[in-house]
Amino acid sequence: MRPEFRVIRGLTAAENPSVATAQGSVDLYWIPLGGDGPWVRFGSGLYEAVIALVQRRARHTLYHAVLEVAVEAGRYVIELAPVWNRPVRDVGAVAEGPVGTRWLGRSRMFRYEIRAWRNGLIPDLDRAVESPRRLSHDPAQAARVLSLLPEAPLLTWGRDEIGCGEMWNSNSLASWLLARSGHDLATVGPPAGGRAPGWRAGVFLAGRDRLEVAR
């Protein structure tokens, strides 16, 4: 039987866009990959070395996007991360998806979770580059980001299941949420000399979603 991945929780009343209208902001942080330990540094470094060799270009610094959304209910750190890599017990997990393949996702070691961590911490915040970047101070737009979380695609992390030429990962979630909530991403990207693998996948899928809604 094919494993299914699910939404873990819905939104509270205070997170609903119709309620959280007094204040709001959306900030984007760019965190260099590799702060999670030597294996992450090795893996990301090897990945970028191979891609750079295939594309015949110089290597770039790889970045991980983290969103910080403030609404009337509080401040939320939003990211996609491995289920097993929780800094504390309650990180506001909203949904879970598979890593590598859907079959591997049967195991906790191969599942990711989408987090909306109230008053949460941003890993390696001290290493963030050109951050935070304020993308919006519109309360309704900030609340819209939160309201989209239960609808986020639970695609396989590390795979290109939508045929856009990029794998799905944490950057994909961030760009999908921003694009679907009406943020203009034309000038939004990683710091100079950097790359955010998966970012275009989220933008691509958000555009396709809007077209389907318009039909």
C-alpha atoms as a PDB file:
ATOM      1  CA  MET A   1       0.000   0.000   0.000  1.00  0.00           C
ATOM      2  CA  ARG A   2       1.279   3.456  -0.902  1.00  0.00           C
ATOM      3  CA  PRO A   3       2.065   5.511   2.220  1.00  0.00           C
ATOM      4  CA  GLU A   4      -0.002   8.656   2.626  1.00  0.00           C
ATOM      5  CA  PHE A   5       1.217  11.898   4.131  1.00  0.00           C
ATOM      6  CA  ARG A   6      -1.062  14.202   5.983  1.00  0.00           C
ATOM      7  CA  VAL A   7      -1.853  17.513   7.563  1.00  0.00           C
ATOM      8  CA  ILE A   8      -1.249  17.246  11.303  1.00  0.00           C
ATOM      9  CA  ARG A   9      -3.187  20.256  12.491  1.00  0.00           C
ATOM     10  CA  GLY A  10      -5.288  23.130  11.251  1.00  0.00           C
ATOM     11  CA  LEU A  11      -5.101  26.791  12.160  1.00  0.00           C
ATOM     12  CA  THR A  12      -6.223  28.432  15.357  1.00  0.00           C
ATOM     13  CA  ALA A  13      -8.782  31.209  15.182  1.00  0.00           C
ATOM     14  CA  ALA A  14      -6.084  33.813  15.818  1.00  0.00           C
ATOM     15  CA  GLU A  15      -4.110  32.582  12.786  1.00  0.00           C
ATOM     16  CA  ASN A  16      -7.082  33.021  10.471  1.00  0.00           C
ATOM     17  CA  PRO A  17      -6.683  35.958   8.058  1.00  0.00           C
ATOM     18  CA  SER A  18     -10.114  37.307   8.997  1.00  0.00           C
ATOM     19  CA  VAL A  19      -8.972  37.670  12.615  1.00  0.00           C
ATOM     20  CA  ALA A  20      -5.268  38.583  12.471  1.00  0.00           C
ATOM     21  CA  THR A  21      -5.674  42.076  11.052  1.00  0.00           C
ATOM     22  CA  ALA A  22      -4.058  44.375  13.600  1.00  0.00           C
ATOM     23  CA  GLN A  23      -0.429  43.811  12.701  1.00  0.00           C
ATOM     24  CA  GLY A  24       1.675  41.654  10.454  1.00  0.00           C
ATOM     25  CA  SER A  25       4.981  41.222   8.661  1.00  0.00           C
ATOM     26  CA  VAL A  26       6.870  38.644   6.612  1.00  0.00           C
ATOM     27  CA  ASP A  27      10.654  38.381   6.851  1.00  0.00           C
ATOM     28  CA  LEU A  28      13.004  36.131   4.886  1.00  0.00           C
ATOM     29  CA  TYR A  29      16.303  34.813   6.263  1.00  0.00           C
ATOM     30  CA  TRP A  30      19.060  33.253   4.141  1.00  0.00           C
ATOM     31  CA  ILE A  31      21.038  30.677   6.137  1.00  0.00           C
ATOM     32  CA  PRO A  32      24.171  29.108   4.554  1.00  0.00           C
ATOM     33  CA  LEU A  33      23.926  25.312   4.455  1.00  0.00           C
ATOM     34  CA  GLY A  34      26.348  23.369   6.600  1.00  0.00           C
ATOM     35  CA  GLY A  35      25.625  24.623  10.086  1.00  0.00           C
ATOM     36  CA  ASP A  36      23.861  21.382  11.049  1.00  0.00           C
ATOM     37  CA  GLY A  37      27.096  19.403  11.260  1.00  0.00           C
ATOM     38  CA  PRO A  38      29.921  17.871   9.241  1.00  0.00           C
ATOM     39  CA  TRP A  39      27.685  15.470   7.293  1.00  0.00           C
ATOM     40  CA  VAL A  40      25.485  18.325   6.075  1.00  0.00           C
ATOM     41  CA  ARG A  41      28.546  20.355   5.109  1.00  0.00           C
ATOM     42  CA  PHE A  42      30.029  17.388   3.294  1.00  0.00           C
ATOM     43  CA  GLY A  43      26.787  16.468   1.514  1.00  0.00           C
ATOM     44  CA  SER A  44      25.915  19.997   0.415  1.00  0.00           C
ATOM     45  CA  GLY A  45      29.498  20.671  -0.627  1.00  0.00           C
ATOM     46  CA  LEU A  46      29.640  17.491  -2.685  1.00  0.00           C
ATOM     47  CA  TYR A  47      26.276  18.220  -4.292  1.00  0.00           C
ATOM     48  CA  GLU A  48      27.311  21.726  -5.332  1.00  0.00           C
ATOM     49  CA  ALA A  49      30.689  20.487  -6.587  1.00  0.00           C
ATOM     50  CA  VAL A  50      29.015  17.921  -8.846  1.00  0.00           C
ATOM     51  CA  ILE A  51      26.394  20.361 -10.169  1.00  0.00           C
ATOM     52  CA  ALA A  52      29.055  23.022 -10.795  1.00  0.00           C
ATOM     53  CA  LEU A  53      31.160  20.485 -12.696  1.00  0.00           C
ATOM     54  CA  VAL A  54      28.222  19.366 -14.850  1.00  0.00           C
ATOM     55  CA  GLN A  55      27.210  22.965 -15.583  1.00  0.00           C
ATOM     56  CA  ARG A  56      30.844  24.040 -16.058  1.00  0.00           C
ATOM     57  CA  ARG A  57      30.691  26.958 -13.657  1.00  0.00           C
ATOM     58  CA  ALA A  58      32.201  28.107 -10.395  1.00  0.00           C
ATOM     59  CA  ARG A  59      30.846  26.750  -7.122  1.00  0.00           C
ATOM     60  CA  HIS A  60      28.344  28.835  -5.182  1.00  0.00           C
ATOM     61  CA  THR A  61      27.381  29.038  -1.531  1.00  0.00           C
ATOM     62  CA  LEU A  62      24.139  27.133  -0.937  1.00  0.00           C
ATOM     63  CA  TYR A  63      21.402  28.768   1.135  1.00  0.00           C
ATOM     64  CA  HIS A  64      18.383  27.593   3.105  1.00  0.00           C
ATOM     65  CA  ALA A  65      15.377  29.951   3.289  1.00  0.00           C
ATOM     66  CA  VAL A  66      13.509  30.464   6.565  1.00  0.00           C
ATOM     67  CA  LEU A  67      10.410  32.624   6.937  1.00  0.00           C
ATOM     68  CA  GLU A  68       9.410  34.581  10.013  1.00  0.00           C
ATOM     69  CA  VAL A  69       5.780  35.676  10.023  1.00  0.00           C
ATOM     70  CA  ALA A  70       4.289  38.006  12.611  1.00  0.00           C
ATOM     71  CA  VAL A  71       0.529  38.259  13.070  1.00  0.00           C
ATOM     72  CA  GLU A  72      -1.747  39.289  15.895  1.00  0.00           C
ATOM     73  CA  ALA A  73      -1.446  35.813  17.406  1.00  0.00           C
ATOM     74  CA  GLY A  74       2.345  36.039  17.648  1.00  0.00           C
ATOM     75  CA  ARG A  75       5.545  35.404  15.736  1.00  0.00           C
ATOM     76  CA  TYR A  76       6.001  32.167  13.765  1.00  0.00           C
ATOM     77  CA  VAL A  77       9.148  30.619  12.310  1.00  0.00           C
ATOM     78  CA  ILE A  78       8.209  28.644   9.197  1.00  0.00           C
ATOM     79  CA  GLU A  79      10.466  26.043   7.636  1.00  0.00           C
ATOM     80  CA  LEU A  80      10.623  22.505   6.304  1.00  0.00           C
ATOM     81  CA  ALA A  81      12.978  20.217   8.214  1.00  0.00           C
ATOM     82  CA  PRO A  82      13.555  16.515   9.012  1.00  0.00           C
ATOM     83  CA  VAL A  83      11.118  15.086  11.563  1.00  0.00           C
ATOM     84  CA  TRP A  84      13.984  13.629  13.598  1.00  0.00           C
ATOM     85  CA  ASN A  85      15.822  16.960  13.815  1.00  0.00           C
ATOM     86  CA  ARG A  86      13.665  18.728  16.369  1.00  0.00           C
ATOM     87  CA  PRO A  87      15.352  21.218  18.704  1.00  0.00           C
ATOM     88  CA  VAL A  88      12.430  20.912  21.159  1.00  0.00           C
ATOM     89  CA  ARG A  89       9.387  18.655  21.456  1.00  0.00           C
ATOM     90  CA  ASP A  90       6.771  21.074  20.125  1.00  0.00           C
ATOM     91  CA  VAL A  91       7.850  22.945  16.996  1.00  0.00           C
ATOM     92  CA  GLY A  92       4.347  23.558  15.685  1.00  0.00           C
ATOM     93  CA  ALA A  93       4.399  20.770  13.088  1.00  0.00           C
ATOM     94  CA  VAL A  94       1.624  21.330  10.554  1.00  0.00           C
ATOM     95  CA  ALA A  95       2.175  18.467   8.090  1.00  0.00           C
ATOM     96  CA  GLU A  96       4.568  15.674   7.137  1.00  0.00           C
ATOM     97  CA  GLY A  97       5.970  14.479   3.817  1.00  0.00           C
ATOM     98  CA  PRO A  98       8.464  11.906   2.473  1.00  0.00           C
ATOM     99  CA  VAL A  99      12.209  12.234   1.888  1.00  0.00           C
ATOM    100  CA  GLY A 100      13.849  10.463  -1.060  1.00  0.00           C
ATOM    101  CA  THR A 101      10.904   8.247  -2.008  1.00  0.00           C
ATOM    102  CA  ARG A 102       7.388   7.794  -0.684  1.00  0.00           C
ATOM    103  CA  TRP A 103       8.224   4.272   0.429  1.00  0.00           C
ATOM    104  CA  LEU A 104      11.172   5.488   2.492  1.00  0.00           C
ATOM    105  CA  GLY A 105       8.784   7.955   4.085  1.00  0.00           C
ATOM    106  CA  ARG A 106       7.262   5.094   6.062  1.00  0.00           C
ATOM    107  CA  SER A 107      10.237   5.517   8.368  1.00  0.00           C
ATOM    108  CA  ARG A 108      10.544   8.513  10.667  1.00  0.00           C
ATOM    109  CA  MET A 109      14.146   8.882   9.496  1.00  0.00           C
ATOM    110  CA  PHE A 110      12.887   9.659   5.981  1.00  0.00           C
ATOM    111  CA  ARG A 111      10.125  12.139   6.724  1.00  0.00           C
ATOM    112  CA  TYR A 112      10.120  15.906   6.853  1.00  0.00           C
ATOM    113  CA  GLU A 113       7.702  18.201   8.633  1.00  0.00           C
ATOM    114  CA  ILE A 114       6.398  21.661   7.867  1.00  0.00           C
ATOM    115  CA  ARG A 115       6.772  23.792  10.965  1.00  0.00           C
ATOM    116  CA  ALA A 116       4.959  26.913  12.115  1.00  0.00           C
ATOM    117  CA  TRP A 117       6.838  27.318  15.375  1.00  0.00           C
ATOM    118  CA  ARG A 118       5.328  30.035  17.541  1.00  0.00           C
ATOM    119  CA  ASN A 119       8.062  32.204  19.055  1.00  0.00           C
ATOM    120  CA  GLY A 120      10.494  29.679  17.604  1.00  0.00           C
ATOM    121  CA  LEU A 121      14.216  29.899  17.063  1.00  0.00           C
ATOM    122  CA  ILE A 122      15.912  30.139  13.671  1.00  0.00           C
ATOM    123  CA  PRO A 123      18.806  27.663  13.433  1.00  0.00           C
ATOM    124  CA  ASP A 124      22.189  29.308  12.814  1.00  0.00           C
ATOM    125  CA  LEU A 125      20.649  32.782  12.897  1.00  0.00           C
ATOM    126  CA  ASP A 126      24.077  34.233  13.628  1.00  0.00           C
ATOM    127  CA  ARG A 127      25.250  32.950  10.223  1.00  0.00           C
ATOM    128  CA  ALA A 128      22.411  34.528   8.224  1.00  0.00           C
ATOM    129  CA  VAL A 129      23.471  36.668   5.263  1.00  0.00           C
ATOM    130  CA  GLU A 130      21.708  39.848   4.126  1.00  0.00           C
ATOM    131  CA  SER A 131      18.941  39.028   6.577  1.00  0.00           C
ATOM    132  CA  PRO A 132      16.268  39.620   7.586  1.00  0.00           C
ATOM    133  CA  ARG A 133      14.686  40.872   4.393  1.00  0.00           C
ATOM    134  CA  ARG A 134      11.292  42.431   5.020  1.00  0.00           C
ATOM    135  CA  LEU A 135       9.020  41.240   2.226  1.00  0.00           C
ATOM    136  CA  SER A 136       5.726  42.558   3.552  1.00  0.00           C
ATOM    137  CA  HIS A 137       4.206  44.577   6.359  1.00  0.00           C
ATOM    138  CA  ASP A 138       0.641  43.866   5.254  1.00  0.00           C
ATOM    139  CA  PRO A 139      -1.251  42.052   8.064  1.00  0.00           C
ATOM    140  CA  ALA A 140      -3.609  40.257   5.681  1.00  0.00           C
ATOM    141  CA  GLN A 141      -0.726  39.071   3.525  1.00  0.00           C
ATOM    142  CA  ALA A 142       1.181  37.804   6.557  1.00  0.00           C
ATOM    143  CA  ALA A 143      -1.876  35.908   7.776  1.00  0.00           C
ATOM    144  CA  ARG A 144      -2.342  34.509   4.280  1.00  0.00           C
ATOM    145  CA  VAL A 145       1.075  32.838   4.507  1.00  0.00           C
ATOM    146  CA  LEU A 146      -0.032  31.026   7.657  1.00  0.00           C
ATOM    147  CA  SER A 147      -3.420  30.092   6.249  1.00  0.00           C
ATOM    148  CA  LEU A 148      -1.733  28.403   3.273  1.00  0.00           C
ATOM    149  CA  LEU A 149       0.324  26.028   5.407  1.00  0.00           C
ATOM    150  CA  PRO A 150      -2.279  23.211   5.604  1.00  0.00           C
ATOM    151  CA  GLU A 151      -2.547  23.396   1.785  1.00  0.00           C
ATOM    152  CA  ALA A 152       1.213  23.156   1.184  1.00  0.00           C
ATOM    153  CA  PRO A 153       2.208  20.429  -1.327  1.00  0.00           C
ATOM    154  CA  LEU A 154       3.602  17.343   0.412  1.00  0.00           C
ATOM    155  CA  LEU A 155       5.930  16.452  -2.435  1.00  0.00           C
ATOM    156  CA  THR A 156       8.942  14.179  -2.016  1.00  0.00           C
ATOM    157  CA  TRP A 157      11.948  16.063  -0.692  1.00  0.00           C
ATOM    158  CA  GLY A 158      14.869  15.672  -3.095  1.00  0.00           C
ATOM    159  CA  ARG A 159      12.755  14.703  -6.131  1.00  0.00           C
ATOM    160  CA  ASP A 160      11.413  16.620  -9.114  1.00  0.00           C
ATOM    161  CA  GLU A 161       7.861  15.301  -9.166  1.00  0.00           C
ATOM    162  CA  ILE A 162       6.402  18.301 -11.000  1.00  0.00           C
ATOM    163  CA  GLY A 163       8.836  18.307 -13.922  1.00  0.00           C
ATOM    164  CA  CYS A 164      10.257  21.787 -13.439  1.00  0.00           C
ATOM    165  CA  GLY A 165      13.923  20.791 -13.474  1.00  0.00           C
ATOM    166  CA  GLU A 166      14.502  21.319  -9.736  1.00  0.00           C
ATOM    167  CA  MET A 167      14.015  19.118  -6.695  1.00  0.00           C
ATOM    168  CA  TRP A 168      11.485  19.900  -3.971  1.00  0.00           C
ATOM    169  CA  ASN A 169      12.938  20.999  -0.637  1.00  0.00           C
ATOM    170  CA  SER A 170      12.748  23.616   2.108  1.00  0.00           C
ATOM    171  CA  ASN A 171      13.408  26.484  -0.313  1.00  0.00           C
ATOM    172  CA  SER A 172      10.534  25.266  -2.479  1.00  0.00           C
ATOM    173  CA  LEU A 173       8.104  25.533   0.426  1.00  0.00           C
ATOM    174  CA  ALA A 174       9.241  29.087   1.218  1.00  0.00           C
ATOM    175  CA  SER A 175       8.923  30.332  -2.358  1.00  0.00           C
ATOM    176  CA  TRP A 176       5.565  28.537  -2.827  1.00  0.00           C
ATOM    177  CA  LEU A 177       4.122  30.185   0.292  1.00  0.00           C
ATOM    178  CA  LEU A 178       5.415  33.609  -0.729  1.00  0.00           C
ATOM    179  CA  ALA A 179       4.221  33.360  -4.318  1.00  0.00           C
ATOM    180  CA  ARG A 180       0.777  31.988  -3.390  1.00  0.00           C
ATOM    181  CA  SER A 181       0.295  34.722  -0.780  1.00  0.00           C
ATOM    182  CA  GLY A 182       0.862  37.448  -3.351  1.00  0.00           C
ATOM    183  CA  HIS A 183       4.473  38.442  -2.734  1.00  0.00           C
ATOM    184  CA  ASP A 184       6.406  39.743  -5.728  1.00  0.00           C
ATOM    185  CA  LEU A 185       9.460  37.484  -6.020  1.00  0.00           C
ATOM    186  CA  ALA A 186      10.900  39.088  -9.149  1.00  0.00           C
ATOM    187  CA  THR A 187      13.739  40.649  -7.170  1.00  0.00           C
ATOM    188  CA  VAL A 188      13.912  38.116  -4.337  1.00  0.00           C
ATOM    189  CA  GLY A 189      16.792  35.657  -4.352  1.00  0.00           C
ATOM    190  CA  PRO A 190      19.798  34.414  -2.387  1.00  0.00           C
ATOM    191  CA  PRO A 191      22.748  36.680  -1.568  1.00  0.00           C
ATOM    192  CA  ALA A 192      25.304  37.480  -4.262  1.00  0.00           C
ATOM    193  CA  GLY A 193      27.409  34.451  -5.152  1.00  0.00           C
ATOM    194  CA  GLY A 194      24.842  32.115  -3.638  1.00  0.00           C
ATOM    195  CA  ARG A 195      22.292  29.602  -4.831  1.00  0.00           C
ATOM    196  CA  ALA A 196      19.024  28.366  -3.333  1.00  0.00           C
ATOM    197  CA  PRO A 197      18.286  24.938  -4.873  1.00  0.00           C
ATOM    198  CA  GLY A 198      14.564  24.273  -5.081  1.00  0.00           C
ATOM    199  CA  TRP A 199      13.497  27.927  -4.984  1.00  0.00           C
ATOM    200  CA  ARG A 200      12.296  27.896  -8.602  1.00  0.00           C
ATOM    201  CA  ALA A 201      10.275  24.729  -7.969  1.00  0.00           C
ATOM    202  CA  GLY A 202       8.049  26.524  -5.469  1.00  0.00           C
ATOM    203  CA  VAL A 203       7.565  29.514  -7.764  1.00  0.00           C
ATOM    204  CA  PHE A 204       6.769  27.185 -10.673  1.00  0.00           C
ATOM    205  CA  LEU A 205       4.167  25.207  -8.739  1.00  0.00           C
ATOM    206  CA  ALA A 206       2.553  28.343  -7.287  1.00  0.00           C
ATOM    207  CA  GLY A 207       2.119  29.706 -10.798  1.00  0.00           C
ATOM    208  CA  ARG A 208       0.558  26.466 -11.968  1.00  0.00           C
ATOM    209  CA  ASP A 209      -1.758  26.442  -8.965  1.00  0.00           C
ATOM    210  CA  ARG A 210      -2.973  29.960  -9.771  1.00  0.00           C
ATOM    211  CA  LEU A 211      -3.707  28.985 -13.357  1.00  0.00           C
ATOM    212  CA  GLU A 212      -5.743  25.984 -12.228  1.00  0.00           C
ATOM    213  CA  VAL A 213      -7.751  28.144  -9.808  1.00  0.00           C
ATOM    214  CA  ALA A 214      -8.438  30.699 -12.563  1.00  0.00           C
ATOM    215  CA  ARG A 215      -9.894  28.092 -14.927  1.00  0.00           C
END
